[in-house]
Amino acid sequence: MNYPKIQVNCITQTQKQSSESSRMLYNRVCTGYTGIVLKAVGALAVLVVIYVIGYVTGYYVHRCPK
């Protein structure tokens, strides 16, 4: 099936724009000082979640029988 060139060009242009914007967002957020801060905050959030899961699990495992 042959598509008109106008439609193919529109699709290609849309993909390039979304690719460029995602690359720009990645460069802004994931590199440099901001990237280091975001990775540290993410690691801290994961540690807090693991701590809370362990705390709740330990509470129910070690609670005194009634």
PDB file of N, CA and C in Angstrom:
ATOM      1  N   MET A   1       0.850  -1.173   0.000  1.00  0.00           N
ATOM      2  CA  MET A   1       0.000   0.000   0.000  1.00  0.00           C
ATOM      3  C   MET A   1       0.895   1.235   0.000  1.00  0.00           C
ATOM      4  N   ASN A   2       0.640   2.154  -0.869  1.00  0.00           N
ATOM      5  CA  ASN A   2       1.430   3.374  -0.963  1.00  0.00           C
ATOM      6  C   ASN A   2       0.721   4.512  -0.246  1.00  0.00           C
ATOM      7  N   TYR A   3       1.454   5.200   0.589  1.00  0.00           N
ATOM      8  CA  TYR A   3       0.909   6.343   1.308  1.00  0.00           C
ATOM      9  C   TYR A   3       1.366   7.629   0.633  1.00  0.00           C
ATOM     10  N   PRO A   4       0.532   8.645   0.683  1.00  0.00           N
ATOM     11  CA  PRO A   4       0.966   9.940   0.140  1.00  0.00           C
ATOM     12  C   PRO A   4       2.157  10.479   0.924  1.00  0.00           C
ATOM     13  N   LYS A   5       3.035  11.202   0.244  1.00  0.00           N
ATOM     14  CA  LYS A   5       4.244  11.710   0.888  1.00  0.00           C
ATOM     15  C   LYS A   5       3.933  12.696   2.001  1.00  0.00           C
ATOM     16  N   ILE A   6       2.838  13.394   1.920  1.00  0.00           N
ATOM     17  CA  ILE A   6       2.483  14.376   2.952  1.00  0.00           C
ATOM     18  C   ILE A   6       2.278  13.679   4.286  1.00  0.00           C
ATOM     19  N   GLN A   7       1.559  12.564   4.293  1.00  0.00           N
ATOM     20  CA  GLN A   7       1.303  11.851   5.542  1.00  0.00           C
ATOM     21  C   GLN A   7       2.589  11.278   6.122  1.00  0.00           C
ATOM     22  N   VAL A   8       3.428  10.712   5.288  1.00  0.00           N
ATOM     23  CA  VAL A   8       4.686  10.140   5.761  1.00  0.00           C
ATOM     24  C   VAL A   8       5.561  11.230   6.360  1.00  0.00           C
ATOM     25  N   ASN A   9       5.645  12.382   5.732  1.00  0.00           N
ATOM     26  CA  ASN A   9       6.448  13.481   6.257  1.00  0.00           C
ATOM     27  C   ASN A   9       5.906  13.974   7.589  1.00  0.00           C
ATOM     28  N   CYS A  10       4.588  14.024   7.742  1.00  0.00           N
ATOM     29  CA  CYS A  10       3.999  14.473   9.008  1.00  0.00           C
ATOM     30  C   CYS A  10       4.345  13.511  10.133  1.00  0.00           C
ATOM     31  N   ILE A  11       4.282  12.224   9.861  1.00  0.00           N
ATOM     32  CA  ILE A  11       4.602  11.223  10.879  1.00  0.00           C
ATOM     33  C   ILE A  11       6.068  11.328  11.268  1.00  0.00           C
ATOM     34  N   THR A  12       6.950  11.442  10.298  1.00  0.00           N
ATOM     35  CA  THR A  12       8.378  11.547  10.575  1.00  0.00           C
ATOM     36  C   THR A  12       8.687  12.793  11.389  1.00  0.00           C
ATOM     37  N   GLN A  13       8.073  13.900  11.052  1.00  0.00           N
ATOM     38  CA  GLN A  13       8.322  15.147  11.764  1.00  0.00           C
ATOM     39  C   GLN A  13       7.833  15.054  13.204  1.00  0.00           C
ATOM     40  N   THR A  14       6.684  14.434  13.444  1.00  0.00           N
ATOM     41  CA  THR A  14       6.155  14.292  14.796  1.00  0.00           C
ATOM     42  C   THR A  14       7.086  13.431  15.641  1.00  0.00           C
ATOM     43  N   GLN A  15       7.610  12.354  15.074  1.00  0.00           N
ATOM     44  CA  GLN A  15       8.522  11.496  15.817  1.00  0.00           C
ATOM     45  C   GLN A  15       9.807  12.228  16.166  1.00  0.00           C
ATOM     46  N   LYS A  16      10.324  13.044  15.263  1.00  0.00           N
ATOM     47  CA  LYS A  16      11.547  13.792  15.538  1.00  0.00           C
ATOM     48  C   LYS A  16      11.327  14.793  16.664  1.00  0.00           C
ATOM     49  N   GLN A  17      10.185  15.475  16.656  1.00  0.00           N
ATOM     50  CA  GLN A  17       9.910  16.473  17.690  1.00  0.00           C
ATOM     51  C   GLN A  17       9.789  15.820  19.050  1.00  0.00           C
ATOM     52  N   SER A  18       9.085  14.691  19.146  1.00  0.00           N
ATOM     53  CA  SER A  18       8.937  14.037  20.436  1.00  0.00           C
ATOM     54  C   SER A  18      10.271  13.475  20.908  1.00  0.00           C
ATOM     55  N   SER A  19      11.084  12.992  19.981  1.00  0.00           N
ATOM     56  CA  SER A  19      12.397  12.478  20.335  1.00  0.00           C
ATOM     57  C   SER A  19      13.293  13.594  20.861  1.00  0.00           C
ATOM     58  N   GLU A  20      13.246  14.748  20.215  1.00  0.00           N
ATOM     59  CA  GLU A  20      14.071  15.872  20.651  1.00  0.00           C
ATOM     60  C   GLU A  20      13.620  16.392  22.009  1.00  0.00           C
ATOM     61  N   SER A  21      12.320  16.464  22.235  1.00  0.00           N
ATOM     62  CA  SER A  21      11.837  16.975  23.518  1.00  0.00           C
ATOM     63  C   SER A  21      12.151  16.003  24.642  1.00  0.00           C
ATOM     64  N   SER A  22      12.053  14.696  24.377  1.00  0.00           N
ATOM     65  CA  SER A  22      12.391  13.734  25.421  1.00  0.00           C
ATOM     66  C   SER A  22      13.890  13.753  25.705  1.00  0.00           C
ATOM     67  N   ARG A  23      14.709  13.941  24.682  1.00  0.00           N
ATOM     68  CA  ARG A  23      16.157  14.027  24.876  1.00  0.00           C
ATOM     69  C   ARG A  23      16.513  15.282  25.668  1.00  0.00           C
ATOM     70  N   MET A  24      15.820  16.390  25.370  1.00  0.00           N
ATOM     71  CA  MET A  24      16.065  17.635  26.088  1.00  0.00           C
ATOM     72  C   MET A  24      15.674  17.487  27.562  1.00  0.00           C
ATOM     73  N   LEU A  25      14.547  16.827  27.818  1.00  0.00           N
ATOM     74  CA  LEU A  25      14.116  16.590  29.194  1.00  0.00           C
ATOM     75  C   LEU A  25      15.118  15.695  29.918  1.00  0.00           C
ATOM     76  N   TYR A  26      15.591  14.653  29.245  1.00  0.00           N
ATOM     77  CA  TYR A  26      16.582  13.762  29.838  1.00  0.00           C
ATOM     78  C   TYR A  26      17.859  14.524  30.176  1.00  0.00           C
ATOM     79  N   ASN A  27      18.342  15.340  29.255  1.00  0.00           N
ATOM     80  CA  ASN A  27      19.571  16.099  29.494  1.00  0.00           C
ATOM     81  C   ASN A  27      19.406  17.070  30.651  1.00  0.00           C
ATOM     82  N   ARG A  28      18.233  17.640  30.798  1.00  0.00           N
ATOM     83  CA  ARG A  28      18.012  18.613  31.862  1.00  0.00           C
ATOM     84  C   ARG A  28      17.879  17.931  33.226  1.00  0.00           C
ATOM     85  N   VAL A  29      17.199  16.783  33.279  1.00  0.00           N
ATOM     86  CA  VAL A  29      16.859  16.160  34.557  1.00  0.00           C
ATOM     87  C   VAL A  29      17.890  15.129  35.001  1.00  0.00           C
ATOM     88  N   CYS A  30      18.467  14.389  34.096  1.00  0.00           N
ATOM     89  CA  CYS A  30      19.274  13.225  34.463  1.00  0.00           C
ATOM     90  C   CYS A  30      20.774  13.460  34.424  1.00  0.00           C
ATOM     91  N   THR A  31      21.229  14.643  34.099  1.00  0.00           N
ATOM     92  CA  THR A  31      22.663  14.890  34.060  1.00  0.00           C
ATOM     93  C   THR A  31      23.004  16.074  34.951  1.00  0.00           C
ATOM     94  N   GLY A  32      24.258  16.158  35.311  1.00  0.00           N
ATOM     95  CA  GLY A  32      24.726  17.291  36.104  1.00  0.00           C
ATOM     96  C   GLY A  32      24.259  17.229  37.546  1.00  0.00           C
ATOM     97  N   TYR A  33      24.225  18.384  38.169  1.00  0.00           N
ATOM     98  CA  TYR A  33      23.874  18.490  39.583  1.00  0.00           C
ATOM     99  C   TYR A  33      22.444  18.026  39.837  1.00  0.00           C
ATOM    100  N   THR A  34      21.516  18.405  38.958  1.00  0.00           N
ATOM    101  CA  THR A  34      20.118  18.005  39.131  1.00  0.00           C
ATOM    102  C   THR A  34      19.976  16.493  39.071  1.00  0.00           C
ATOM    103  N   GLY A  35      20.702  15.849  38.185  1.00  0.00           N
ATOM    104  CA  GLY A  35      20.654  14.394  38.079  1.00  0.00           C
ATOM    105  C   GLY A  35      21.152  13.714  39.334  1.00  0.00           C
ATOM    106  N   ILE A  36      22.232  14.241  39.904  1.00  0.00           N
ATOM    107  CA  ILE A  36      22.770  13.669  41.140  1.00  0.00           C
ATOM    108  C   ILE A  36      21.766  13.821  42.270  1.00  0.00           C
ATOM    109  N   VAL A  37      21.155  15.000  42.376  1.00  0.00           N
ATOM    110  CA  VAL A  37      20.166  15.239  43.432  1.00  0.00           C
ATOM    111  C   VAL A  37      18.965  14.318  43.255  1.00  0.00           C
ATOM    112  N   LEU A  38      18.468  14.179  42.031  1.00  0.00           N
ATOM    113  CA  LEU A  38      17.307  13.318  41.800  1.00  0.00           C
ATOM    114  C   LEU A  38      17.623  11.857  42.098  1.00  0.00           C
ATOM    115  N   LYS A  39      18.806  11.400  41.758  1.00  0.00           N
ATOM    116  CA  LYS A  39      19.185  10.024  42.061  1.00  0.00           C
ATOM    117  C   LYS A  39      19.292   9.812  43.565  1.00  0.00           C
ATOM    118  N   ALA A  40      19.836  10.786  44.283  1.00  0.00           N
ATOM    119  CA  ALA A  40      19.942  10.677  45.736  1.00  0.00           C
ATOM    120  C   ALA A  40      18.561  10.672  46.380  1.00  0.00           C
ATOM    121  N   VAL A  41      17.672  11.542  45.916  1.00  0.00           N
ATOM    122  CA  VAL A  41      16.310  11.583  46.460  1.00  0.00           C
ATOM    123  C   VAL A  41      15.584  10.280  46.148  1.00  0.00           C
ATOM    124  N   GLY A  42      15.759   9.749  44.958  1.00  0.00           N
ATOM    125  CA  GLY A  42      15.136   8.476  44.595  1.00  0.00           C
ATOM    126  C   GLY A  42      15.643   7.333  45.454  1.00  0.00           C
ATOM    127  N   ALA A  43      16.951   7.293  45.689  1.00  0.00           N
ATOM    128  CA  ALA A  43      17.522   6.246  46.536  1.00  0.00           C
ATOM    129  C   ALA A  43      17.010   6.369  47.962  1.00  0.00           C
ATOM    130  N   LEU A  44      16.917   7.589  48.472  1.00  0.00           N
ATOM    131  CA  LEU A  44      16.394   7.807  49.820  1.00  0.00           C
ATOM    132  C   LEU A  44      14.935   7.370  49.911  1.00  0.00           C
ATOM    133  N   ALA A  45      14.142   7.672  48.891  1.00  0.00           N
ATOM    134  CA  ALA A  45      12.734   7.268  48.885  1.00  0.00           C
ATOM    135  C   ALA A  45      12.604   5.748  48.891  1.00  0.00           C
ATOM    136  N   VAL A  46      13.441   5.063  48.123  1.00  0.00           N
ATOM    137  CA  VAL A  46      13.409   3.599  48.104  1.00  0.00           C
ATOM    138  C   VAL A  46      13.788   3.042  49.469  1.00  0.00           C
ATOM    139  N   LEU A  47      14.806   3.612  50.107  1.00  0.00           N
ATOM    140  CA  LEU A  47      15.202   3.145  51.436  1.00  0.00           C
ATOM    141  C   LEU A  47      14.093   3.355  52.459  1.00  0.00           C
ATOM    142  N   VAL A  48      13.402   4.483  52.386  1.00  0.00           N
ATOM    143  CA  VAL A  48      12.298   4.742  53.317  1.00  0.00           C
ATOM    144  C   VAL A  48      11.181   3.731  53.104  1.00  0.00           C
ATOM    145  N   VAL A  49      10.857   3.437  51.855  1.00  0.00           N
ATOM    146  CA  VAL A  49       9.807   2.452  51.569  1.00  0.00           C
ATOM    147  C   VAL A  49      10.199   1.081  52.102  1.00  0.00           C
ATOM    148  N   ILE A  50      11.443   0.674  51.899  1.00  0.00           N
ATOM    149  CA  ILE A  50      11.909  -0.616  52.416  1.00  0.00           C
ATOM    150  C   ILE A  50      11.857  -0.626  53.937  1.00  0.00           C
ATOM    151  N   TYR A  51      12.242   0.464  54.580  1.00  0.00           N
ATOM    152  CA  TYR A  51      12.199   0.556  56.036  1.00  0.00           C
ATOM    153  C   TYR A  51      10.767   0.414  56.544  1.00  0.00           C
ATOM    154  N   VAL A  52       9.832   1.109  55.917  1.00  0.00           N
ATOM    155  CA  VAL A  52       8.434   1.052  56.363  1.00  0.00           C
ATOM    156  C   VAL A  52       7.876  -0.356  56.181  1.00  0.00           C
ATOM    157  N   ILE A  53       8.179  -0.994  55.055  1.00  0.00           N
ATOM    158  CA  ILE A  53       7.713  -2.370  54.838  1.00  0.00           C
ATOM    159  C   ILE A  53       8.291  -3.296  55.905  1.00  0.00           C
ATOM    160  N   GLY A  54       9.568  -3.150  56.214  1.00  0.00           N
ATOM    161  CA  GLY A  54      10.187  -3.967  57.261  1.00  0.00           C
ATOM    162  C   GLY A  54       9.602  -3.692  58.629  1.00  0.00           C
ATOM    163  N   TYR A  55       9.316  -2.439  58.929  1.00  0.00           N
ATOM    164  CA  TYR A  55       8.739  -2.073  60.221  1.00  0.00           C
ATOM    165  C   TYR A  55       7.357  -2.692  60.386  1.00  0.00           C
ATOM    166  N   VAL A  56       6.523  -2.559  59.371  1.00  0.00           N
ATOM    167  CA  VAL A  56       5.165  -3.108  59.444  1.00  0.00           C
ATOM    168  C   VAL A  56       5.214  -4.629  59.515  1.00  0.00           C
ATOM    169  N   THR A  57       6.060  -5.246  58.729  1.00  0.00           N
ATOM    170  CA  THR A  57       6.190  -6.702  58.761  1.00  0.00           C
ATOM    171  C   THR A  57       6.671  -7.165  60.130  1.00  0.00           C
ATOM    172  N   GLY A  58       7.682  -6.503  60.665  1.00  0.00           N
ATOM    173  CA  GLY A  58       8.185  -6.855  61.989  1.00  0.00           C
ATOM    174  C   GLY A  58       7.148  -6.667  63.075  1.00  0.00           C
ATOM    175  N   TYR A  59       6.328  -5.652  62.956  1.00  0.00           N
ATOM    176  CA  TYR A  59       5.273  -5.418  63.942  1.00  0.00           C
ATOM    177  C   TYR A  59       4.308  -6.594  63.975  1.00  0.00           C
ATOM    178  N   TYR A  60       3.871  -7.044  62.815  1.00  0.00           N
ATOM    179  CA  TYR A  60       2.902  -8.132  62.784  1.00  0.00           C
ATOM    180  C   TYR A  60       3.530  -9.481  63.105  1.00  0.00           C
ATOM    181  N   VAL A  61       4.793  -9.684  62.813  1.00  0.00           N
ATOM    182  CA  VAL A  61       5.450 -10.954  63.111  1.00  0.00           C
ATOM    183  C   VAL A  61       5.738 -11.074  64.601  1.00  0.00           C
ATOM    184  N   HIS A  62       6.136  -9.990  65.260  1.00  0.00           N
ATOM    185  CA  HIS A  62       6.603 -10.056  66.640  1.00  0.00           C
ATOM    186  C   HIS A  62       5.613  -9.516  67.662  1.00  0.00           C
ATOM    187  N   ARG A  63       4.381  -9.263  67.287  1.00  0.00           N
ATOM    188  CA  ARG A  63       3.435  -8.733  68.276  1.00  0.00           C
ATOM    189  C   ARG A  63       3.053  -9.828  69.264  1.00  0.00           C
ATOM    190  N   CYS A  64       2.702  -9.409  70.440  1.00  0.00           N
ATOM    191  CA  CYS A  64       2.359 -10.342  71.510  1.00  0.00           C
ATOM    192  C   CYS A  64       0.972 -10.939  71.262  1.00  0.00           C
ATOM    193  N   PRO A  65       0.834 -12.237  71.518  1.00  0.00           N
ATOM    194  CA  PRO A  65      -0.493 -12.847  71.352  1.00  0.00           C
ATOM    195  C   PRO A  65      -1.449 -12.344  72.430  1.00  0.00           C
ATOM    196  N   LYS A  66      -2.723 -12.276  72.088  1.00  0.00           N
ATOM    197  CA  LYS A  66      -3.714 -11.782  73.053  1.00  0.00           C
ATOM    198  C   LYS A  66      -4.293 -12.892  73.875  1.00  0.00           C
TER     199      LYS A  66
END
